[in-house]
PDB file of N, CA and C in Angstrom:
ATOM      1  N   MET A   1      -7.223  28.738  -6.245  1.00  0.00           N
ATOM      2  CA  MET A   1      -7.903  27.628  -6.298  1.00  0.00           C
ATOM      3  C   MET A   1      -8.400  27.632  -7.756  1.00  0.00           C
ATOM      4  N   SER A   2      -7.806  27.248  -8.706  1.00  0.00           N
ATOM      5  CA  SER A   2      -8.115  27.219 -10.035  1.00  0.00           C
ATOM      6  C   SER A   2      -9.129  26.158 -10.358  1.00  0.00           C
ATOM      7  N   ASN A   3      -8.843  24.942  -9.838  1.00  0.00           N
ATOM      8  CA  ASN A   3      -9.667  23.693 -10.210  1.00  0.00           C
ATOM      9  C   ASN A   3      -9.749  23.047  -8.770  1.00  0.00           C
ATOM     10  N   PRO A   4     -10.938  23.366  -7.911  1.00  0.00           N
ATOM     11  CA  PRO A   4     -11.401  22.634  -6.876  1.00  0.00           C
ATOM     12  C   PRO A   4     -11.462  21.245  -6.973  1.00  0.00           C
ATOM     13  N   LYS A   5     -11.927  20.732  -7.926  1.00  0.00           N
ATOM     14  CA  LYS A   5     -12.007  18.956  -8.171  1.00  0.00           C
ATOM     15  C   LYS A   5     -10.800  18.419  -8.065  1.00  0.00           C
ATOM     16  N   ALA A   6      -9.752  19.124  -8.636  1.00  0.00           N
ATOM     17  CA  ALA A   6      -8.325  18.490  -8.702  1.00  0.00           C
ATOM     18  C   ALA A   6      -7.720  18.592  -7.487  1.00  0.00           C
ATOM     19  N   MET A   7      -7.981  19.719  -6.814  1.00  0.00           N
ATOM     20  CA  MET A   7      -7.477  19.944  -5.497  1.00  0.00           C
ATOM     21  C   MET A   7      -8.076  18.779  -4.514  1.00  0.00           C
ATOM     22  N   VAL A   8      -9.348  18.696  -4.493  1.00  0.00           N
ATOM     23  CA  VAL A   8      -9.926  17.611  -3.626  1.00  0.00           C
ATOM     24  C   VAL A   8      -9.445  16.306  -3.894  1.00  0.00           C
ATOM     25  N   GLN A   9      -9.275  16.048  -5.187  1.00  0.00           N
ATOM     26  CA  GLN A   9      -8.776  14.605  -5.797  1.00  0.00           C
ATOM     27  C   GLN A   9      -7.181  14.588  -5.279  1.00  0.00           C
ATOM     28  N   THR A  10      -6.520  15.535  -5.361  1.00  0.00           N
ATOM     29  CA  THR A  10      -5.113  15.449  -4.751  1.00  0.00           C
ATOM     30  C   THR A  10      -5.176  15.233  -3.229  1.00  0.00           C
ATOM     31  N   MET A  11      -6.083  15.980  -2.563  1.00  0.00           N
ATOM     32  CA  MET A  11      -5.922  15.867  -1.017  1.00  0.00           C
ATOM     33  C   MET A  11      -6.356  14.466  -0.760  1.00  0.00           C
ATOM     34  N   ILE A  12      -7.210  13.720  -1.406  1.00  0.00           N
ATOM     35  CA  ILE A  12      -7.729  12.631  -1.275  1.00  0.00           C
ATOM     36  C   ILE A  12      -6.773  11.415  -1.528  1.00  0.00           C
ATOM     37  N   ALA A  13      -6.007  11.636  -2.450  1.00  0.00           N
ATOM     38  CA  ALA A  13      -4.885  10.737  -2.919  1.00  0.00           C
ATOM     39  C   ALA A  13      -3.638  10.905  -1.791  1.00  0.00           C
ATOM     40  N   LEU A  14      -3.310  12.034  -1.343  1.00  0.00           N
ATOM     41  CA  LEU A  14      -2.483  12.339  -0.424  1.00  0.00           C
ATOM     42  C   LEU A  14      -2.754  11.709   1.013  1.00  0.00           C
ATOM     43  N   ALA A  15      -4.049  11.748   1.412  1.00  0.00           N
ATOM     44  CA  ALA A  15      -4.569  11.271   2.685  1.00  0.00           C
ATOM     45  C   ALA A  15      -4.525   9.663   2.457  1.00  0.00           C
ATOM     46  N   SER A  16      -4.901   9.148   1.334  1.00  0.00           N
ATOM     47  CA  SER A  16      -4.793   7.795   1.153  1.00  0.00           C
ATOM     48  C   SER A  16      -3.461   7.316   1.282  1.00  0.00           C
ATOM     49  N   ALA A  17      -2.488   7.940   0.765  1.00  0.00           N
ATOM     50  CA  ALA A  17      -1.138   7.407   0.803  1.00  0.00           C
ATOM     51  C   ALA A  17      -0.660   7.549   2.324  1.00  0.00           C
ATOM     52  N   SER A  18      -1.006   8.513   2.956  1.00  0.00           N
ATOM     53  CA  SER A  18      -0.466   8.788   4.249  1.00  0.00           C
ATOM     54  C   SER A  18      -1.122   7.738   5.291  1.00  0.00           C
ATOM     55  N   LEU A  19      -2.462   7.558   5.006  1.00  0.00           N
ATOM     56  CA  LEU A  19      -3.096   6.443   5.896  1.00  0.00           C
ATOM     57  C   LEU A  19      -2.520   5.136   5.583  1.00  0.00           C
ATOM     58  N   GLY A  20      -2.332   4.717   4.252  1.00  0.00           N
ATOM     59  CA  GLY A  20      -1.494   3.633   3.816  1.00  0.00           C
ATOM     60  C   GLY A  20      -0.372   3.400   4.530  1.00  0.00           C
ATOM     61  N   LEU A  21       0.560   4.509   4.646  1.00  0.00           N
ATOM     62  CA  LEU A  21       1.782   4.485   5.182  1.00  0.00           C
ATOM     63  C   LEU A  21       1.692   3.983   6.789  1.00  0.00           C
ATOM     64  N   VAL A  22       0.757   4.660   7.344  1.00  0.00           N
ATOM     65  CA  VAL A  22       0.518   4.384   8.813  1.00  0.00           C
ATOM     66  C   VAL A  22       0.043   2.933   8.892  1.00  0.00           C
ATOM     67  N   ALA A  23      -0.877   2.401   8.162  1.00  0.00           N
ATOM     68  CA  ALA A  23      -1.252   0.959   8.114  1.00  0.00           C
ATOM     69  C   ALA A  23      -0.115  -0.059   7.792  1.00  0.00           C
ATOM     70  N   ALA A  24       0.764   0.379   6.871  1.00  0.00           N
ATOM     71  CA  ALA A  24       2.062  -0.378   6.619  1.00  0.00           C
ATOM     72  C   ALA A  24       2.901  -0.553   7.761  1.00  0.00           C
ATOM     73  N   LEU A  25       2.937   0.584   8.474  1.00  0.00           N
ATOM     74  CA  LEU A  25       3.936   0.691   9.694  1.00  0.00           C
ATOM     75  C   LEU A  25       3.410  -0.282  10.652  1.00  0.00           C
ATOM     76  N   ALA A  26       2.102  -0.338  10.897  1.00  0.00           N
ATOM     77  CA  ALA A  26       1.357  -0.883  11.857  1.00  0.00           C
ATOM     78  C   ALA A  26       1.498  -2.627  11.655  1.00  0.00           C
ATOM     79  N   TRP A  27       1.402  -2.931  10.092  1.00  0.00           N
ATOM     80  CA  TRP A  27       1.528  -4.335   9.971  1.00  0.00           C
ATOM     81  C   TRP A  27       2.982  -4.606  10.004  1.00  0.00           C
ATOM     82  N   ASN A  28       3.817  -3.800   9.713  1.00  0.00           N
ATOM     83  CA  ASN A  28       5.244  -4.099   9.973  1.00  0.00           C
ATOM     84  C   ASN A  28       5.703  -4.415  11.364  1.00  0.00           C
ATOM     85  N   GLU A  29       5.153  -3.640  12.450  1.00  0.00           N
ATOM     86  CA  GLU A  29       5.305  -3.984  13.554  1.00  0.00           C
ATOM     87  C   GLU A  29       4.577  -5.408  14.023  1.00  0.00           C
ATOM     88  N   ALA A  30       3.370  -5.611  13.641  1.00  0.00           N
ATOM     89  CA  ALA A  30       2.797  -6.754  13.885  1.00  0.00           C
ATOM     90  C   ALA A  30       3.450  -8.057  13.258  1.00  0.00           C
ATOM     91  N   ILE A  31       3.900  -7.900  12.045  1.00  0.00           N
ATOM     92  CA  ILE A  31       4.798  -9.131  11.498  1.00  0.00           C
ATOM     93  C   ILE A  31       6.124  -9.317  12.399  1.00  0.00           C
ATOM     94  N   LYS A  32       6.903  -8.256  12.682  1.00  0.00           N
ATOM     95  CA  LYS A  32       7.950  -8.389  13.224  1.00  0.00           C
ATOM     96  C   LYS A  32       7.718  -9.174  14.636  1.00  0.00           C
ATOM     97  N   ALA A  33       6.810  -8.764  15.371  1.00  0.00           N
ATOM     98  CA  ALA A  33       6.493  -9.283  16.609  1.00  0.00           C
ATOM     99  C   ALA A  33       5.926 -10.751  16.560  1.00  0.00           C
ATOM    100  N   THR A  34       5.168 -11.103  15.423  1.00  0.00           N
ATOM    101  CA  THR A  34       4.884 -12.450  15.299  1.00  0.00           C
ATOM    102  C   THR A  34       6.217 -13.433  14.880  1.00  0.00           C
ATOM    103  N   LEU A  35       7.031 -12.888  14.074  1.00  0.00           N
ATOM    104  CA  LEU A  35       8.234 -13.514  13.771  1.00  0.00           C
ATOM    105  C   LEU A  35       9.065 -13.812  15.180  1.00  0.00           C
ATOM    106  N   ALA A  36       9.011 -12.755  15.984  1.00  0.00           N
ATOM    107  CA  ALA A  36       9.863 -12.755  17.162  1.00  0.00           C
ATOM    108  C   ALA A  36       9.308 -13.842  18.010  1.00  0.00           C
ATOM    109  N   ARG A  37       7.947 -14.182  18.113  1.00  0.00           N
ATOM    110  CA  ARG A  37       7.363 -15.046  18.917  1.00  0.00           C
ATOM    111  C   ARG A  37       7.570 -16.551  18.474  1.00  0.00           C
ATOM    112  N   LEU A  38       7.641 -16.541  17.099  1.00  0.00           N
ATOM    113  CA  LEU A  38       7.983 -17.903  16.420  1.00  0.00           C
ATOM    114  C   LEU A  38       9.569 -18.111  16.584  1.00  0.00           C
ATOM    115  N   GLY A  39      10.296 -17.314  17.100  1.00  0.00           N
ATOM    116  CA  GLY A  39      11.744 -17.560  17.315  1.00  0.00           C
ATOM    117  C   GLY A  39      12.465 -17.180  15.896  1.00  0.00           C
ATOM    118  N   LEU A  40      11.882 -16.313  15.094  1.00  0.00           N
ATOM    119  CA  LEU A  40      12.616 -15.921  13.986  1.00  0.00           C
ATOM    120  C   LEU A  40      12.889 -14.396  13.843  1.00  0.00           C
ATOM    121  N   GLY A  41      12.987 -13.828  15.192  1.00  0.00           N
ATOM    122  CA  GLY A  41      13.131 -12.493  15.161  1.00  0.00           C
ATOM    123  C   GLY A  41      14.131 -11.775  14.354  1.00  0.00           C
ATOM    124  N   ASP A  42      15.483 -11.630  14.584  1.00  0.00           N
ATOM    125  CA  ASP A  42      16.362 -10.996  14.054  1.00  0.00           C
ATOM    126  C   ASP A  42      17.299 -11.849  13.259  1.00  0.00           C
ATOM    127  N   ASP A  43      17.226 -13.119  13.152  1.00  0.00           N
ATOM    128  CA  ASP A  43      18.175 -13.824  12.500  1.00  0.00           C
ATOM    129  C   ASP A  43      17.866 -13.908  10.804  1.00  0.00           C
ATOM    130  N   LEU A  44      18.845 -14.233  10.039  1.00  0.00           N
ATOM    131  CA  LEU A  44      18.483 -14.136   8.668  1.00  0.00           C
ATOM    132  C   LEU A  44      17.433 -14.795   8.202  1.00  0.00           C
ATOM    133  N   ALA A  45      16.852 -15.925   8.815  1.00  0.00           N
ATOM    134  CA  ALA A  45      15.646 -16.601   8.296  1.00  0.00           C
ATOM    135  C   ALA A  45      14.411 -15.734   8.548  1.00  0.00           C
ATOM    136  N   GLY A  46      14.514 -15.195   9.824  1.00  0.00           N
ATOM    137  CA  GLY A  46      13.503 -14.175   9.956  1.00  0.00           C
ATOM    138  C   GLY A  46      13.443 -13.161   9.129  1.00  0.00           C
ATOM    139  N   LEU A  47      14.406 -12.477   8.784  1.00  0.00           N
ATOM    140  CA  LEU A  47      14.326 -11.272   7.857  1.00  0.00           C
ATOM    141  C   LEU A  47      13.765 -11.770   6.501  1.00  0.00           C
ATOM    142  N   TYR A  48      14.278 -12.908   6.080  1.00  0.00           N
ATOM    143  CA  TYR A  48      13.861 -13.268   4.723  1.00  0.00           C
ATOM    144  C   TYR A  48      12.460 -13.872   4.895  1.00  0.00           C
ATOM    145  N   SER A  49      11.979 -14.297   5.774  1.00  0.00           N
ATOM    146  CA  SER A  49      10.514 -14.619   5.877  1.00  0.00           C
ATOM    147  C   SER A  49       9.751 -13.386   6.070  1.00  0.00           C
ATOM    148  N   TYR A  50      10.290 -12.369   6.664  1.00  0.00           N
ATOM    149  CA  TYR A  50       9.641 -11.088   6.702  1.00  0.00           C
ATOM    150  C   TYR A  50       9.437 -10.612   5.290  1.00  0.00           C
ATOM    151  N   ALA A  51      10.514 -10.578   4.602  1.00  0.00           N
ATOM    152  CA  ALA A  51      10.545 -10.060   3.300  1.00  0.00           C
ATOM    153  C   ALA A  51       9.502 -10.538   2.301  1.00  0.00           C
ATOM    154  N   ILE A  52       9.502 -11.895   2.425  1.00  0.00           N
ATOM    155  CA  ILE A  52       8.616 -12.863   1.483  1.00  0.00           C
ATOM    156  C   ILE A  52       7.310 -12.514   1.926  1.00  0.00           C
ATOM    157  N   ILE A  53       6.847 -12.513   3.214  1.00  0.00           N
ATOM    158  CA  ILE A  53       5.477 -12.406   3.624  1.00  0.00           C
ATOM    159  C   ILE A  53       5.002 -10.820   3.104  1.00  0.00           C
ATOM    160  N   ALA A  54       5.854 -10.016   3.347  1.00  0.00           N
ATOM    161  CA  ALA A  54       5.408  -8.453   2.906  1.00  0.00           C
ATOM    162  C   ALA A  54       5.403  -8.476   1.360  1.00  0.00           C
ATOM    163  N   THR A  55       6.039  -9.091   0.475  1.00  0.00           N
ATOM    164  CA  THR A  55       6.147  -9.224  -0.776  1.00  0.00           C
ATOM    165  C   THR A  55       4.647  -9.849  -1.236  1.00  0.00           C
ATOM    166  N   VAL A  56       4.610 -11.030  -0.776  1.00  0.00           N
ATOM    167  CA  VAL A  56       3.287 -11.775  -1.001  1.00  0.00           C
ATOM    168  C   VAL A  56       2.176 -10.896  -0.764  1.00  0.00           C
ATOM    169  N   LEU A  57       2.075 -10.255   0.456  1.00  0.00           N
ATOM    170  CA  LEU A  57       0.922  -9.539   0.861  1.00  0.00           C
ATOM    171  C   LEU A  57       0.662  -8.319  -0.187  1.00  0.00           C
ATOM    172  N   ALA A  58       1.697  -7.763  -0.634  1.00  0.00           N
ATOM    173  CA  ALA A  58       1.782  -6.595  -1.381  1.00  0.00           C
ATOM    174  C   ALA A  58       1.189  -6.972  -2.807  1.00  0.00           C
ATOM    175  N   VAL A  59       1.617  -8.041  -3.363  1.00  0.00           N
ATOM    176  CA  VAL A  59       1.254  -8.736  -4.666  1.00  0.00           C
ATOM    177  C   VAL A  59      -0.311  -8.977  -4.595  1.00  0.00           C
ATOM    178  N   VAL A  60      -0.765  -9.689  -3.490  1.00  0.00           N
ATOM    179  CA  VAL A  60      -2.012  -9.899  -3.338  1.00  0.00           C
ATOM    180  C   VAL A  60      -2.986  -8.719  -3.336  1.00  0.00           C
ATOM    181  N   VAL A  61      -2.695  -7.691  -2.386  1.00  0.00           N
ATOM    182  CA  VAL A  61      -3.437  -6.530  -2.202  1.00  0.00           C
ATOM    183  C   VAL A  61      -3.376  -5.733  -3.685  1.00  0.00           C
ATOM    184  N   LEU A  62      -2.316  -5.719  -4.327  1.00  0.00           N
ATOM    185  CA  LEU A  62      -2.343  -4.993  -5.541  1.00  0.00           C
ATOM    186  C   LEU A  62      -3.080  -5.674  -6.730  1.00  0.00           C
ATOM    187  N   SER A  63      -3.038  -7.031  -6.655  1.00  0.00           N
ATOM    188  CA  SER A  63      -3.768  -7.752  -7.710  1.00  0.00           C
ATOM    189  C   SER A  63      -5.327  -7.565  -7.426  1.00  0.00           C
ATOM    190  N   ILE A  64      -5.805  -7.585  -6.197  1.00  0.00           N
ATOM    191  CA  ILE A  64      -7.128  -7.201  -5.873  1.00  0.00           C
ATOM    192  C   ILE A  64      -7.493  -5.935  -6.465  1.00  0.00           C
ATOM    193  N   LEU A  65      -6.731  -4.899  -6.144  1.00  0.00           N
ATOM    194  CA  LEU A  65      -7.008  -3.474  -6.432  1.00  0.00           C
ATOM    195  C   LEU A  65      -7.086  -3.341  -7.819  1.00  0.00           C
ATOM    196  N   GLY A  66      -6.216  -4.172  -8.555  1.00  0.00           N
ATOM    197  CA  GLY A  66      -6.115  -3.946 -10.009  1.00  0.00           C
ATOM    198  C   GLY A  66      -7.516  -4.609 -10.486  1.00  0.00           C
ATOM    199  N   ARG A  67      -7.965  -5.834 -10.193  1.00  0.00           N
ATOM    200  CA  ARG A  67      -9.123  -6.211 -10.613  1.00  0.00           C
ATOM    201  C   ARG A  67     -10.228  -5.404 -10.221  1.00  0.00           C
ATOM    202  N   LEU A  68     -10.360  -4.657  -9.263  1.00  0.00           N
ATOM    203  CA  LEU A  68     -11.345  -3.789  -8.800  1.00  0.00           C
ATOM    204  C   LEU A  68     -11.331  -2.722  -9.607  1.00  0.00           C
ATOM    205  N   ALA A  69     -10.182  -2.115 -10.088  1.00  0.00           N
ATOM    206  CA  ALA A  69     -10.119  -0.920 -10.806  1.00  0.00           C
ATOM    207  C   ALA A  69     -10.611  -1.177 -12.366  1.00  0.00           C
ATOM    208  N   ALA A  70     -10.251  -2.464 -12.848  1.00  0.00           N
ATOM    209  CA  ALA A  70     -10.771  -2.996 -14.208  1.00  0.00           C
ATOM    210  C   ALA A  70     -12.211  -3.211 -14.203  1.00  0.00           C
ATOM    211  N   ARG A  71     -12.819  -3.665 -13.027  1.00  0.00           N
ATOM    212  CA  ARG A  71     -14.233  -3.599 -13.038  1.00  0.00           C
ATOM    213  C   ARG A  71     -14.886  -2.346 -13.125  1.00  0.00           C
ATOM    214  N   LEU A  72     -14.451  -1.461 -12.377  1.00  0.00           N
ATOM    215  CA  LEU A  72     -14.778   0.186 -12.527  1.00  0.00           C
ATOM    216  C   LEU A  72     -14.403   0.889 -13.588  1.00  0.00           C
ATOM    217  N   GLY A  73     -13.866   0.243 -14.676  1.00  0.00           N
ATOM    218  CA  GLY A  73     -13.416   0.962 -15.820  1.00  0.00           C
ATOM    219  C   GLY A  73     -11.995   1.271 -15.945  1.00  0.00           C
ATOM    220  N   GLY A  74     -11.199   0.982 -14.886  1.00  0.00           N
ATOM    221  CA  GLY A  74      -9.816   0.912 -15.151  1.00  0.00           C
ATOM    222  C   GLY A  74      -9.274   2.558 -15.211  1.00  0.00           C
ATOM    223  N   GLU A  75     -10.013   3.490 -14.874  1.00  0.00           N
ATOM    224  CA  GLU A  75      -9.445   4.843 -14.966  1.00  0.00           C
ATOM    225  C   GLU A  75      -8.975   5.259 -13.636  1.00  0.00           C
ATOM    226  N   ALA A  76      -8.046   6.078 -13.653  1.00  0.00           N
ATOM    227  CA  ALA A  76      -7.367   6.790 -12.474  1.00  0.00           C
ATOM    228  C   ALA A  76      -8.302   7.811 -11.910  1.00  0.00           C
ATOM    229  N   SER A  77      -8.255   8.157 -10.701  1.00  0.00           N
ATOM    230  CA  SER A  77      -9.109   9.222 -10.166  1.00  0.00           C
ATOM    231  C   SER A  77      -8.752  10.607 -10.586  1.00  0.00           C
ATOM    232  N   PHE A  78      -7.511  10.777 -10.966  1.00  0.00           N
ATOM    233  CA  PHE A  78      -7.129  11.909 -11.653  1.00  0.00           C
ATOM    234  C   PHE A  78      -5.930  11.759 -12.564  1.00  0.00           C
ATOM    235  N   VAL A  79      -5.801  12.735 -13.375  1.00  0.00           N
ATOM    236  CA  VAL A  79      -4.776  12.647 -14.420  1.00  0.00           C
ATOM    237  C   VAL A  79      -3.678  13.611 -14.299  1.00  0.00           C
ATOM    238  N   ARG A  80      -2.414  13.331 -14.241  1.00  0.00           N
ATOM    239  CA  ARG A  80      -1.306  14.360 -13.943  1.00  0.00           C
ATOM    240  C   ARG A  80      -1.369  15.166 -15.381  1.00  0.00           C
ATOM    241  N   GLU A  81      -0.955  16.475 -15.030  1.00  0.00           N
ATOM    242  CA  GLU A  81      -0.828  17.402 -16.203  1.00  0.00           C
ATOM    243  C   GLU A  81      -0.095  16.717 -17.311  1.00  0.00           C
ATOM    244  N   ALA A  82       1.065  16.107 -17.054  1.00  0.00           N
ATOM    245  CA  ALA A  82       1.979  15.403 -18.101  1.00  0.00           C
ATOM    246  C   ALA A  82       1.480  14.489 -18.807  1.00  0.00           C
ATOM    247  N   GLU A  83       0.328  13.958 -18.243  1.00  0.00           N
ATOM    248  CA  GLU A  83      -0.285  12.670 -18.977  1.00  0.00           C
ATOM    249  C   GLU A  83      -1.471  13.393 -19.670  1.00  0.00           C
ATOM    250  N   GLY A  84      -2.127  14.411 -19.399  1.00  0.00           N
ATOM    251  CA  GLY A  84      -3.323  14.849 -20.035  1.00  0.00           C
ATOM    252  C   GLY A  84      -3.004  15.553 -21.201  1.00  0.00           C
TER     253      GLY A  84
END
């Protein structure tokens, strides 16, 4: 354990990514169920609707996070060795 701070930051990043994946899968199921109720389940219009909704949601969330990062100074929580 040469650098405990880097290890904790890496663990936080991995946990965040894991929890983000779980949340994304939950939203995936919720959106699919909603489209099925609207009668747009597995047909082409439903698949494109789902893709558009997912893309818009991703852009909105990433835009908000980008603005938040800029307000906080815009620095990453850790720097990879190749970048340092």
